[in-house]
Structure formats: C-alpha cells, structure tokens
C-alpha cells in the first residue's frame, strides 16, 4: 500500500513539474482590454495562467 501511494505522489509531482515548465517557458501574448476582452467568459478562455492574470489586471485598471 505505501508503495502505491509513493507512485501516486511521484506522478502528481511530475505532472506539476511539467505544467510549471510549460507555464514558465512561454512568453505571454498581449490581449486587448476592451469591452469584449474583459468579459468573464473571455478571461476564462485564456489558457495561460500568466496571461489570464495580466488580462484580469488590465480589465480591473480599465474599470477605475
């Protein structure tokens, strides 16, 4: 039983490492902060975590 748990944890750690590598390896693409680009649906469609955070921040600044 502990051996299976170790393999499961090792698999999860490997998946996290691959995801982190993919997120850190790319350059964020600019997105337009207009009415269409600032809808919650448009922000949710952005796959990259960093790009999504940047877009959300730009939309929040735009609202002020």
C-alpha atoms as a PDB file:
ATOM      1  CA  UNK A   1       0.000   0.000   0.000  1.00  0.00           C
ATOM      2  CA  UNK A   2       2.674   2.624   0.840  1.00  0.00           C
ATOM      3  CA  UNK A   3       4.439   1.783  -2.436  1.00  0.00           C
ATOM      4  CA  UNK A   4       1.295   2.645  -4.425  1.00  0.00           C
ATOM      5  CA  UNK A   5       0.929   5.883  -2.524  1.00  0.00           C
ATOM      6  CA  UNK A   6       4.539   6.796  -3.290  1.00  0.00           C
ATOM      7  CA  UNK A   7       3.976   6.163  -7.012  1.00  0.00           C
ATOM      8  CA  UNK A   8       0.818   8.268  -6.941  1.00  0.00           C
ATOM      9  CA  UNK A   9       2.591  11.155  -5.229  1.00  0.00           C
ATOM     10  CA  UNK A  10       5.519  10.884  -7.630  1.00  0.00           C
ATOM     11  CA  UNK A  11       3.116  11.011 -10.583  1.00  0.00           C
ATOM     12  CA  UNK A  12       1.409  14.111  -9.194  1.00  0.00           C
ATOM     13  CA  UNK A  13       4.759  15.809  -8.636  1.00  0.00           C
ATOM     14  CA  UNK A  14       5.813  15.013 -12.213  1.00  0.00           C
ATOM     15  CA  UNK A  15       2.554  16.427 -13.590  1.00  0.00           C
ATOM     16  CA  UNK A  16       3.042  19.631 -11.588  1.00  0.00           C
ATOM     17  CA  UNK A  17       6.627  19.935 -12.815  1.00  0.00           C
ATOM     18  CA  UNK A  18       5.555  19.568 -16.454  1.00  0.00           C
ATOM     19  CA  UNK A  19       2.792  22.159 -16.025  1.00  0.00           C
ATOM     20  CA  UNK A  20       5.158  24.615 -14.340  1.00  0.00           C
ATOM     21  CA  UNK A  21       7.746  24.142 -17.088  1.00  0.00           C
ATOM     22  CA  UNK A  22       5.140  24.857 -19.772  1.00  0.00           C
ATOM     23  CA  UNK A  23       3.870  27.962 -17.977  1.00  0.00           C
ATOM     24  CA  UNK A  24       7.329  29.392 -17.357  1.00  0.00           C
ATOM     25  CA  UNK A  25       8.690  28.560 -20.799  1.00  0.00           C
ATOM     26  CA  UNK A  26       6.278  30.659 -22.839  1.00  0.00           C
ATOM     27  CA  UNK A  27       6.060  34.382 -23.411  1.00  0.00           C
ATOM     28  CA  UNK A  28       2.722  35.989 -22.521  1.00  0.00           C
ATOM     29  CA  UNK A  29       0.694  37.101 -25.538  1.00  0.00           C
ATOM     30  CA  UNK A  30      -0.924  40.536 -25.293  1.00  0.00           C
ATOM     31  CA  UNK A  31      -4.717  40.643 -25.150  1.00  0.00           C
ATOM     32  CA  UNK A  32      -6.829  43.717 -25.798  1.00  0.00           C
ATOM     33  CA  UNK A  33      -8.518  45.157 -22.708  1.00  0.00           C
ATOM     34  CA  UNK A  34     -11.763  46.273 -24.337  1.00  0.00           C
ATOM     35  CA  UNK A  35     -15.430  45.512 -23.613  1.00  0.00           C
ATOM     36  CA  UNK A  36     -15.305  42.178 -25.447  1.00  0.00           C
ATOM     37  CA  UNK A  37     -11.968  41.122 -23.945  1.00  0.00           C
ATOM     38  CA  UNK A  38     -12.947  41.953 -20.373  1.00  0.00           C
ATOM     39  CA  UNK A  39     -15.996  39.730 -20.075  1.00  0.00           C
ATOM     40  CA  UNK A  40     -15.670  36.856 -17.596  1.00  0.00           C
ATOM     41  CA  UNK A  41     -16.112  34.350 -20.441  1.00  0.00           C
ATOM     42  CA  UNK A  42     -13.310  35.927 -22.477  1.00  0.00           C
ATOM     43  CA  UNK A  43     -10.944  35.863 -19.498  1.00  0.00           C
ATOM     44  CA  UNK A  44     -11.814  32.220 -18.746  1.00  0.00           C
ATOM     45  CA  UNK A  45     -10.969  31.237 -22.340  1.00  0.00           C
ATOM     46  CA  UNK A  46      -7.333  32.315 -21.872  1.00  0.00           C
ATOM     47  CA  UNK A  47      -5.404  29.093 -21.264  1.00  0.00           C
ATOM     48  CA  UNK A  48      -2.158  30.508 -19.905  1.00  0.00           C
ATOM     49  CA  UNK A  49      -2.327  31.348 -16.204  1.00  0.00           C
ATOM     50  CA  UNK A  50       0.026  34.314 -16.529  1.00  0.00           C
ATOM     51  CA  UNK A  51      -1.846  35.784 -19.493  1.00  0.00           C
ATOM     52  CA  UNK A  52      -5.143  35.372 -17.643  1.00  0.00           C
ATOM     53  CA  UNK A  53      -3.781  37.246 -14.614  1.00  0.00           C
ATOM     54  CA  UNK A  54      -2.402  40.057 -16.789  1.00  0.00           C
ATOM     55  CA  UNK A  55      -5.699  40.421 -18.659  1.00  0.00           C
ATOM     56  CA  UNK A  56      -7.690  40.427 -15.436  1.00  0.00           C
ATOM     57  CA  UNK A  57      -5.427  43.130 -14.009  1.00  0.00           C
ATOM     58  CA  UNK A  58      -5.730  45.283 -17.154  1.00  0.00           C
ATOM     59  CA  UNK A  59      -9.507  44.969 -17.082  1.00  0.00           C
ATOM     60  CA  UNK A  60      -9.591  45.944 -13.400  1.00  0.00           C
ATOM     61  CA  UNK A  61      -7.453  49.016 -14.107  1.00  0.00           C
ATOM     62  CA  UNK A  62      -9.705  49.896 -17.025  1.00  0.00           C
ATOM     63  CA  UNK A  63     -12.782  49.903 -14.782  1.00  0.00           C
ATOM     64  CA  UNK A  64     -11.274  52.503 -12.434  1.00  0.00           C
END
